[in-house]
């Protein structure tokens, strides 16, 4: 799966996008069963589809553990620190 951001740049992953890919793959008969893997730029992701009334009702994606380091978000500061518990301002216009 390749995903492009609105500005045309390539993204590693899109949670909602991969769910749509899962539904499409199922509806087009491209996969057997309701659990399958999709290769992405962020690695292989496991999808689990749940059906209701013959269609896909929901898709769960194994995204891996969350990473809240400043470097991964990205934010300024020591790359290994996290922003959890730090105050931040929300600008209003």
PDB file of N, CA and C in Angstrom:
ATOM      1  N   UNK A   1       0.845  -1.173   0.000  1.00  0.00           N
ATOM      2  CA  UNK A   1       0.000   0.000   0.000  1.00  0.00           C
ATOM      3  C   UNK A   1       0.887   1.231   0.000  1.00  0.00           C
ATOM      4  N   UNK A   2       0.695   2.105  -0.949  1.00  0.00           N
ATOM      5  CA  UNK A   2       1.343   3.411  -0.946  1.00  0.00           C
ATOM      6  C   UNK A   2       0.276   4.452  -0.687  1.00  0.00           C
ATOM      7  N   UNK A   3       0.639   5.459   0.093  1.00  0.00           N
ATOM      8  CA  UNK A   3      -0.309   6.507   0.458  1.00  0.00           C
ATOM      9  C   UNK A   3       0.349   7.857   0.243  1.00  0.00           C
ATOM     10  N   UNK A   4      -0.375   8.784  -0.340  1.00  0.00           N
ATOM     11  CA  UNK A   4       0.134  10.136  -0.558  1.00  0.00           C
ATOM     12  C   UNK A   4      -0.659  11.123   0.296  1.00  0.00           C
ATOM     13  N   UNK A   5       0.067  12.061   0.911  1.00  0.00           N
ATOM     14  CA  UNK A   5      -0.563  13.142   1.666  1.00  0.00           C
ATOM     15  C   UNK A   5      -1.243  14.106   0.705  1.00  0.00           C
ATOM     16  N   UNK A   6      -2.039  15.025   1.229  1.00  0.00           N
ATOM     17  CA  UNK A   6      -2.750  16.006   0.409  1.00  0.00           C
ATOM     18  C   UNK A   6      -1.797  16.855  -0.426  1.00  0.00           C
ATOM     19  N   UNK A   7      -0.570  17.077   0.084  1.00  0.00           N
ATOM     20  CA  UNK A   7       0.394  17.882  -0.669  1.00  0.00           C
ATOM     21  C   UNK A   7       1.184  17.062  -1.685  1.00  0.00           C
ATOM     22  N   UNK A   8       0.875  15.772  -1.811  1.00  0.00           N
ATOM     23  CA  UNK A   8       1.539  14.911  -2.783  1.00  0.00           C
ATOM     24  C   UNK A   8       2.738  14.163  -2.224  1.00  0.00           C
ATOM     25  N   UNK A   9       3.178  14.488  -1.022  1.00  0.00           N
ATOM     26  CA  UNK A   9       4.311  13.775  -0.434  1.00  0.00           C
ATOM     27  C   UNK A   9       3.882  12.373  -0.016  1.00  0.00           C
ATOM     28  N   UNK A  10       4.842  11.470   0.007  1.00  0.00           N
ATOM     29  CA  UNK A  10       4.554  10.089   0.351  1.00  0.00           C
ATOM     30  C   UNK A  10       4.538   9.918   1.869  1.00  0.00           C
ATOM     31  N   UNK A  11       3.536   9.218   2.364  1.00  0.00           N
ATOM     32  CA  UNK A  11       3.428   8.930   3.794  1.00  0.00           C
ATOM     33  C   UNK A  11       3.735   7.458   4.032  1.00  0.00           C
ATOM     34  N   UNK A  12       4.203   7.147   5.243  1.00  0.00           N
ATOM     35  CA  UNK A  12       4.474   5.752   5.570  1.00  0.00           C
ATOM     36  C   UNK A  12       3.190   4.964   5.764  1.00  0.00           C
ATOM     37  N   UNK A  13       2.191   5.588   6.365  1.00  0.00           N
ATOM     38  CA  UNK A  13       0.985   4.879   6.762  1.00  0.00           C
ATOM     39  C   UNK A  13      -0.181   5.836   6.884  1.00  0.00           C
ATOM     40  N   UNK A  14      -1.374   5.306   6.705  1.00  0.00           N
ATOM     41  CA  UNK A  14      -2.602   6.049   6.973  1.00  0.00           C
ATOM     42  C   UNK A  14      -3.601   5.058   7.556  1.00  0.00           C
ATOM     43  N   UNK A  15      -3.965   5.259   8.807  1.00  0.00           N
ATOM     44  CA  UNK A  15      -4.871   4.327   9.479  1.00  0.00           C
ATOM     45  C   UNK A  15      -6.207   4.168   8.780  1.00  0.00           C
ATOM     46  N   UNK A  16      -6.835   5.269   8.414  1.00  0.00           N
ATOM     47  CA  UNK A  16      -8.126   5.178   7.720  1.00  0.00           C
ATOM     48  C   UNK A  16      -7.942   4.645   6.305  1.00  0.00           C
ATOM     49  N   UNK A  17      -6.850   5.028   5.666  1.00  0.00           N
ATOM     50  CA  UNK A  17      -6.585   4.553   4.304  1.00  0.00           C
ATOM     51  C   UNK A  17      -6.442   3.042   4.240  1.00  0.00           C
ATOM     52  N   UNK A  18      -5.708   2.471   5.207  1.00  0.00           N
ATOM     53  CA  UNK A  18      -5.517   1.018   5.183  1.00  0.00           C
ATOM     54  C   UNK A  18      -6.816   0.287   5.489  1.00  0.00           C
ATOM     55  N   UNK A  19      -7.696   0.894   6.269  1.00  0.00           N
ATOM     56  CA  UNK A  19      -9.003   0.284   6.507  1.00  0.00           C
ATOM     57  C   UNK A  19      -9.811   0.235   5.203  1.00  0.00           C
ATOM     58  N   UNK A  20      -9.737   1.306   4.432  1.00  0.00           N
ATOM     59  CA  UNK A  20     -10.423   1.332   3.135  1.00  0.00           C
ATOM     60  C   UNK A  20      -9.841   0.291   2.187  1.00  0.00           C
ATOM     61  N   UNK A  21      -8.518   0.148   2.190  1.00  0.00           N
ATOM     62  CA  UNK A  21      -7.873  -0.881   1.369  1.00  0.00           C
ATOM     63  C   UNK A  21      -8.378  -2.256   1.777  1.00  0.00           C
ATOM     64  N   UNK A  22      -8.528  -2.491   3.074  1.00  0.00           N
ATOM     65  CA  UNK A  22      -9.023  -3.776   3.557  1.00  0.00           C
ATOM     66  C   UNK A  22     -10.413  -4.087   3.054  1.00  0.00           C
ATOM     67  N   UNK A  23     -11.307  -3.104   3.130  1.00  0.00           N
ATOM     68  CA  UNK A  23     -12.680  -3.303   2.641  1.00  0.00           C
ATOM     69  C   UNK A  23     -12.673  -3.558   1.142  1.00  0.00           C
ATOM     70  N   UNK A  24     -11.918  -2.767   0.398  1.00  0.00           N
ATOM     71  CA  UNK A  24     -11.845  -2.936  -1.062  1.00  0.00           C
ATOM     72  C   UNK A  24     -11.300  -4.308  -1.433  1.00  0.00           C
ATOM     73  N   UNK A  25     -10.220  -4.733  -0.774  1.00  0.00           N
ATOM     74  CA  UNK A  25      -9.639  -6.043  -1.068  1.00  0.00           C
ATOM     75  C   UNK A  25     -10.647  -7.160  -0.815  1.00  0.00           C
ATOM     76  N   UNK A  26     -11.407  -7.035   0.261  1.00  0.00           N
ATOM     77  CA  UNK A  26     -12.429  -8.036   0.581  1.00  0.00           C
ATOM     78  C   UNK A  26     -13.557  -8.016  -0.455  1.00  0.00           C
ATOM     79  N   UNK A  27     -14.070  -6.838  -0.763  1.00  0.00           N
ATOM     80  CA  UNK A  27     -15.195  -6.730  -1.700  1.00  0.00           C
ATOM     81  C   UNK A  27     -14.822  -7.176  -3.110  1.00  0.00           C
ATOM     82  N   UNK A  28     -13.571  -6.984  -3.502  1.00  0.00           N
ATOM     83  CA  UNK A  28     -13.125  -7.379  -4.842  1.00  0.00           C
ATOM     84  C   UNK A  28     -12.660  -8.834  -4.893  1.00  0.00           C
ATOM     85  N   UNK A  29     -12.712  -9.526  -3.768  1.00  0.00           N
ATOM     86  CA  UNK A  29     -12.299 -10.929  -3.739  1.00  0.00           C
ATOM     87  C   UNK A  29     -10.797 -11.117  -3.867  1.00  0.00           C
ATOM     88  N   UNK A  30     -10.020 -10.108  -3.469  1.00  0.00           N
ATOM     89  CA  UNK A  30      -8.560 -10.179  -3.598  1.00  0.00           C
ATOM     90  C   UNK A  30      -7.894 -10.903  -2.431  1.00  0.00           C
ATOM     91  N   UNK A  31      -8.661 -11.174  -1.378  1.00  0.00           N
ATOM     92  CA  UNK A  31      -8.124 -11.855  -0.202  1.00  0.00           C
ATOM     93  C   UNK A  31      -9.050 -12.997   0.185  1.00  0.00           C
ATOM     94  N   UNK A  32      -8.451 -14.013   0.800  1.00  0.00           N
ATOM     95  CA  UNK A  32      -9.235 -15.122   1.343  1.00  0.00           C
ATOM     96  C   UNK A  32      -9.377 -14.898   2.835  1.00  0.00           C
ATOM     97  N   UNK A  33     -10.560 -14.980   3.346  1.00  0.00           N
ATOM     98  CA  UNK A  33     -10.767 -14.843   4.769  1.00  0.00           C
ATOM     99  C   UNK A  33     -10.893 -13.399   5.208  1.00  0.00           C
ATOM    100  N   UNK A  34     -10.992 -13.231   6.519  1.00  0.00           N
ATOM    101  CA  UNK A  34     -11.225 -11.910   7.094  1.00  0.00           C
ATOM    102  C   UNK A  34     -10.004 -11.361   7.820  1.00  0.00           C
ATOM    103  N   UNK A  35      -8.909 -12.112   7.841  1.00  0.00           N
ATOM    104  CA  UNK A  35      -7.667 -11.658   8.454  1.00  0.00           C
ATOM    105  C   UNK A  35      -6.563 -11.803   7.422  1.00  0.00           C
ATOM    106  N   UNK A  36      -5.855 -10.706   7.163  1.00  0.00           N
ATOM    107  CA  UNK A  36      -4.771 -10.749   6.184  1.00  0.00           C
ATOM    108  C   UNK A  36      -3.799  -9.608   6.437  1.00  0.00           C
ATOM    109  N   UNK A  37      -2.643  -9.685   5.813  1.00  0.00           N
ATOM    110  CA  UNK A  37      -1.586  -8.690   5.973  1.00  0.00           C
ATOM    111  C   UNK A  37      -1.533  -7.762   4.770  1.00  0.00           C
ATOM    112  N   UNK A  38      -1.152  -6.509   5.030  1.00  0.00           N
ATOM    113  CA  UNK A  38      -0.947  -5.515   3.977  1.00  0.00           C
ATOM    114  C   UNK A  38       0.440  -4.915   4.181  1.00  0.00           C
ATOM    115  N   UNK A  39       1.247  -4.922   3.136  1.00  0.00           N
ATOM    116  CA  UNK A  39       2.584  -4.325   3.206  1.00  0.00           C
ATOM    117  C   UNK A  39       2.461  -2.816   3.020  1.00  0.00           C
ATOM    118  N   UNK A  40       3.070  -2.059   3.924  1.00  0.00           N
ATOM    119  CA  UNK A  40       3.077  -0.602   3.851  1.00  0.00           C
ATOM    120  C   UNK A  40       4.513  -0.120   3.992  1.00  0.00           C
ATOM    121  N   UNK A  41       4.754   1.155   3.795  1.00  0.00           N
ATOM    122  CA  UNK A  41       6.088   1.722   4.002  1.00  0.00           C
ATOM    123  C   UNK A  41       6.477   1.718   5.480  1.00  0.00           C
ATOM    124  N   UNK A  42       5.514   1.519   6.362  1.00  0.00           N
ATOM    125  CA  UNK A  42       5.774   1.430   7.795  1.00  0.00           C
ATOM    126  C   UNK A  42       5.836  -0.023   8.256  1.00  0.00           C
ATOM    127  N   UNK A  43       5.931  -0.957   7.329  1.00  0.00           N
ATOM    128  CA  UNK A  43       5.982  -2.377   7.653  1.00  0.00           C
ATOM    129  C   UNK A  43       4.673  -3.071   7.353  1.00  0.00           C
ATOM    130  N   UNK A  44       4.646  -4.350   7.605  1.00  0.00           N
ATOM    131  CA  UNK A  44       3.452  -5.158   7.343  1.00  0.00           C
ATOM    132  C   UNK A  44       2.460  -4.959   8.480  1.00  0.00           C
ATOM    133  N   UNK A  45       1.216  -4.682   8.114  1.00  0.00           N
ATOM    134  CA  UNK A  45       0.144  -4.467   9.089  1.00  0.00           C
ATOM    135  C   UNK A  45      -0.890  -5.576   8.942  1.00  0.00           C
ATOM    136  N   UNK A  46      -1.347  -6.090  10.073  1.00  0.00           N
ATOM    137  CA  UNK A  46      -2.361  -7.152  10.107  1.00  0.00           C
ATOM    138  C   UNK A  46      -3.746  -6.520  10.190  1.00  0.00           C
ATOM    139  N   UNK A  47      -4.629  -6.895   9.277  1.00  0.00           N
ATOM    140  CA  UNK A  47      -6.005  -6.405   9.266  1.00  0.00           C
ATOM    141  C   UNK A  47      -6.952  -7.520   9.670  1.00  0.00           C
ATOM    142  N   UNK A  48      -7.950  -7.183  10.466  1.00  0.00           N
ATOM    143  CA  UNK A  48      -9.016  -8.104  10.835  1.00  0.00           C
ATOM    144  C   UNK A  48     -10.342  -7.439  10.503  1.00  0.00           C
ATOM    145  N   UNK A  49     -11.067  -8.045   9.576  1.00  0.00           N
ATOM    146  CA  UNK A  49     -12.357  -7.506   9.155  1.00  0.00           C
ATOM    147  C   UNK A  49     -13.478  -8.227   9.898  1.00  0.00           C
ATOM    148  N   UNK A  50     -14.513  -7.476  10.250  1.00  0.00           N
ATOM    149  CA  UNK A  50     -15.717  -8.046  10.854  1.00  0.00           C
ATOM    150  C   UNK A  50     -16.887  -7.711   9.938  1.00  0.00           C
ATOM    151  N   UNK A  51     -17.675  -8.714   9.649  1.00  0.00           N
ATOM    152  CA  UNK A  51     -18.790  -8.510   8.729  1.00  0.00           C
ATOM    153  C   UNK A  51     -20.114  -8.466   9.487  1.00  0.00           C
ATOM    154  N   UNK A  52     -21.049  -7.749   8.888  1.00  0.00           N
ATOM    155  CA  UNK A  52     -22.426  -7.739   9.382  1.00  0.00           C
ATOM    156  C   UNK A  52     -23.343  -7.609   8.177  1.00  0.00           C
ATOM    157  N   UNK A  53     -24.348  -8.426   8.126  1.00  0.00           N
ATOM    158  CA  UNK A  53     -25.307  -8.439   7.012  1.00  0.00           C
ATOM    159  C   UNK A  53     -24.606  -8.584   5.661  1.00  0.00           C
ATOM    160  N   UNK A  54     -23.520  -9.365   5.618  1.00  0.00           N
ATOM    161  CA  UNK A  54     -22.839  -9.632   4.357  1.00  0.00           C
ATOM    162  C   UNK A  54     -21.755  -8.641   3.972  1.00  0.00           C
ATOM    163  N   UNK A  55     -21.745  -7.469   4.583  1.00  0.00           N
ATOM    164  CA  UNK A  55     -20.722  -6.471   4.270  1.00  0.00           C
ATOM    165  C   UNK A  55     -19.747  -6.319   5.420  1.00  0.00           C
ATOM    166  N   UNK A  56     -18.698  -5.571   5.176  1.00  0.00           N
ATOM    167  CA  UNK A  56     -17.716  -5.321   6.226  1.00  0.00           C
ATOM    168  C   UNK A  56     -18.257  -4.250   7.161  1.00  0.00           C
ATOM    169  N   UNK A  57     -18.344  -4.578   8.447  1.00  0.00           N
ATOM    170  CA  UNK A  57     -18.852  -3.632   9.439  1.00  0.00           C
ATOM    171  C   UNK A  57     -17.751  -2.837  10.098  1.00  0.00           C
ATOM    172  N   UNK A  58     -16.586  -3.468  10.270  1.00  0.00           N
ATOM    173  CA  UNK A  58     -15.458  -2.762  10.879  1.00  0.00           C
ATOM    174  C   UNK A  58     -14.155  -3.442  10.487  1.00  0.00           C
ATOM    175  N   UNK A  59     -13.073  -2.668  10.592  1.00  0.00           N
ATOM    176  CA  UNK A  59     -11.738  -3.174  10.288  1.00  0.00           C
ATOM    177  C   UNK A  59     -10.819  -2.761  11.430  1.00  0.00           C
ATOM    178  N   UNK A  60     -10.115  -3.728  11.998  1.00  0.00           N
ATOM    179  CA  UNK A  60      -9.123  -3.459  13.028  1.00  0.00           C
ATOM    180  C   UNK A  60      -7.748  -3.635  12.406  1.00  0.00           C
ATOM    181  N   UNK A  61      -6.852  -2.682  12.671  1.00  0.00           N
ATOM    182  CA  UNK A  61      -5.501  -2.726  12.118  1.00  0.00           C
ATOM    183  C   UNK A  61      -4.498  -2.785  13.257  1.00  0.00           C
ATOM    184  N   UNK A  62      -3.592  -3.748  13.196  1.00  0.00           N
ATOM    185  CA  UNK A  62      -2.497  -3.824  14.154  1.00  0.00           C
ATOM    186  C   UNK A  62      -1.442  -2.801  13.781  1.00  0.00           C
ATOM    187  N   UNK A  63      -1.488  -1.639  14.431  1.00  0.00           N
ATOM    188  CA  UNK A  63      -0.593  -0.537  14.081  1.00  0.00           C
ATOM    189  C   UNK A  63       0.737  -0.587  14.827  1.00  0.00           C
ATOM    190  N   UNK A  64       0.849  -1.474  15.818  1.00  0.00           N
ATOM    191  CA  UNK A  64       2.067  -1.513  16.614  1.00  0.00           C
ATOM    192  C   UNK A  64       1.957  -0.535  17.775  1.00  0.00           C
ATOM    193  N   UNK A  65       2.989  -0.517  18.611  1.00  0.00           N
ATOM    194  CA  UNK A  65       2.939   0.351  19.794  1.00  0.00           C
ATOM    195  C   UNK A  65       3.053   1.827  19.415  1.00  0.00           C
ATOM    196  N   UNK A  66       2.412   2.663  20.198  1.00  0.00           N
ATOM    197  CA  UNK A  66       2.502   4.112  19.977  1.00  0.00           C
ATOM    198  C   UNK A  66       3.904   4.597  20.345  1.00  0.00           C
ATOM    199  N   UNK A  67       4.387   5.598  19.623  1.00  0.00           N
ATOM    200  CA  UNK A  67       5.706   6.173  19.890  1.00  0.00           C
ATOM    201  C   UNK A  67       5.521   7.668  20.119  1.00  0.00           C
ATOM    202  N   UNK A  68       5.738   8.116  21.350  1.00  0.00           N
ATOM    203  CA  UNK A  68       5.511   9.507  21.711  1.00  0.00           C
ATOM    204  C   UNK A  68       6.803  10.294  21.903  1.00  0.00           C
ATOM    205  N   UNK A  69       7.927   9.781  21.381  1.00  0.00           N
ATOM    206  CA  UNK A  69       9.166  10.544  21.511  1.00  0.00           C
ATOM    207  C   UNK A  69       9.070  11.813  20.678  1.00  0.00           C
ATOM    208  N   UNK A  70       9.784  12.846  21.128  1.00  0.00           N
ATOM    209  CA  UNK A  70       9.756  14.121  20.416  1.00  0.00           C
ATOM    210  C   UNK A  70      10.234  13.953  18.975  1.00  0.00           C
ATOM    211  N   UNK A  71      11.213  13.094  18.760  1.00  0.00           N
ATOM    212  CA  UNK A  71      11.742  12.898  17.410  1.00  0.00           C
ATOM    213  C   UNK A  71      10.716  12.275  16.471  1.00  0.00           C
ATOM    214  N   UNK A  72       9.841  11.422  16.979  1.00  0.00           N
ATOM    215  CA  UNK A  72       8.891  10.728  16.108  1.00  0.00           C
ATOM    216  C   UNK A  72       7.680  11.559  15.755  1.00  0.00           C
ATOM    217  N   UNK A  73       7.410  12.654  16.461  1.00  0.00           N
ATOM    218  CA  UNK A  73       6.157  13.384  16.261  1.00  0.00           C
ATOM    219  C   UNK A  73       6.178  14.329  15.045  1.00  0.00           C
ATOM    220  N   UNK A  74       7.090  15.133  14.677  1.00  0.00           N
ATOM    221  CA  UNK A  74       8.314  15.616  15.314  1.00  0.00           C
ATOM    222  C   UNK A  74       8.065  16.884  16.127  1.00  0.00           C
ATOM    223  N   UNK A  75       8.862  17.035  17.187  1.00  0.00           N
ATOM    224  CA  UNK A  75       8.825  18.219  18.045  1.00  0.00           C
ATOM    225  C   UNK A  75      10.253  18.579  18.422  1.00  0.00           C
ATOM    226  N   UNK A  76      10.455  19.847  18.779  1.00  0.00           N
ATOM    227  CA  UNK A  76      11.776  20.281  19.236  1.00  0.00           C
ATOM    228  C   UNK A  76      12.060  19.752  20.630  1.00  0.00           C
ATOM    229  N   UNK A  77      13.333  19.555  20.899  1.00  0.00           N
ATOM    230  CA  UNK A  77      13.772  19.095  22.211  1.00  0.00           C
ATOM    231  C   UNK A  77      14.562  17.825  22.078  1.00  0.00           C
ATOM    232  N   UNK A  78      15.023  17.291  23.198  1.00  0.00           N
ATOM    233  CA  UNK A  78      15.783  16.044  23.154  1.00  0.00           C
ATOM    234  C   UNK A  78      14.960  14.933  22.501  1.00  0.00           C
ATOM    235  N   UNK A  79      15.511  14.301  21.488  1.00  0.00           N
ATOM    236  CA  UNK A  79      14.787  13.341  20.656  1.00  0.00           C
ATOM    237  C   UNK A  79      14.174  12.191  21.441  1.00  0.00           C
ATOM    238  N   UNK A  80      14.807  11.779  22.522  1.00  0.00           N
ATOM    239  CA  UNK A  80      14.349  10.606  23.276  1.00  0.00           C
ATOM    240  C   UNK A  80      13.250  10.932  24.280  1.00  0.00           C
ATOM    241  N   UNK A  81      13.074  12.218  24.625  1.00  0.00           N
ATOM    242  CA  UNK A  81      12.034  12.574  25.586  1.00  0.00           C
ATOM    243  C   UNK A  81      10.660  12.485  24.945  1.00  0.00           C
ATOM    244  N   UNK A  82       9.633  12.370  25.786  1.00  0.00           N
ATOM    245  CA  UNK A  82       8.259  12.360  25.283  1.00  0.00           C
ATOM    246  C   UNK A  82       7.562  13.655  25.701  1.00  0.00           C
ATOM    247  N   UNK A  83       6.478  13.956  25.044  1.00  0.00           N
ATOM    248  CA  UNK A  83       5.712  15.151  25.384  1.00  0.00           C
ATOM    249  C   UNK A  83       4.631  14.852  26.414  1.00  0.00           C
ATOM    250  N   UNK A  84       4.475  13.597  26.774  1.00  0.00           N
ATOM    251  CA  UNK A  84       3.427  13.221  27.721  1.00  0.00           C
ATOM    252  C   UNK A  84       3.607  13.960  29.037  1.00  0.00           C
ATOM    253  N   UNK A  85       2.554  14.565  29.513  1.00  0.00           N
ATOM    254  CA  UNK A  85       2.576  15.281  30.778  1.00  0.00           C
ATOM    255  C   UNK A  85       3.117  16.704  30.693  1.00  0.00           C
ATOM    256  N   UNK A  86       3.548  17.133  29.505  1.00  0.00           N
ATOM    257  CA  UNK A  86       4.065  18.485  29.355  1.00  0.00           C
ATOM    258  C   UNK A  86       2.923  19.430  28.961  1.00  0.00           C
ATOM    259  N   UNK A  87       2.906  20.641  29.518  1.00  0.00           N
ATOM    260  CA  UNK A  87       1.860  21.600  29.131  1.00  0.00           C
ATOM    261  C   UNK A  87       2.116  22.112  27.707  1.00  0.00           C
ATOM    262  N   UNK A  88       1.058  22.498  27.040  1.00  0.00           N
ATOM    263  CA  UNK A  88       1.183  23.103  25.706  1.00  0.00           C
ATOM    264  C   UNK A  88       0.054  24.098  25.515  1.00  0.00           C
ATOM    265  N   UNK A  89       0.322  25.068  24.645  1.00  0.00           N
ATOM    266  CA  UNK A  89      -0.675  26.098  24.369  1.00  0.00           C
ATOM    267  C   UNK A  89      -1.463  25.758  23.116  1.00  0.00           C
ATOM    268  N   UNK A  90      -2.714  26.105  23.147  1.00  0.00           N
ATOM    269  CA  UNK A  90      -3.582  25.943  21.981  1.00  0.00           C
ATOM    270  C   UNK A  90      -3.935  27.344  21.512  1.00  0.00           C
ATOM    271  N   UNK A  91      -3.498  27.668  20.307  1.00  0.00           N
ATOM    272  CA  UNK A  91      -3.782  28.993  19.768  1.00  0.00           C
ATOM    273  C   UNK A  91      -5.221  29.087  19.290  1.00  0.00           C
ATOM    274  N   UNK A  92      -5.813  30.234  19.500  1.00  0.00           N
ATOM    275  CA  UNK A  92      -7.188  30.466  19.040  1.00  0.00           C
ATOM    276  C   UNK A  92      -7.184  31.710  18.175  1.00  0.00           C
ATOM    277  N   UNK A  93      -7.894  31.621  17.066  1.00  0.00           N
ATOM    278  CA  UNK A  93      -8.003  32.779  16.177  1.00  0.00           C
ATOM    279  C   UNK A  93      -9.425  33.190  16.004  1.00  0.00           C
TER     280      UNK A  93
END
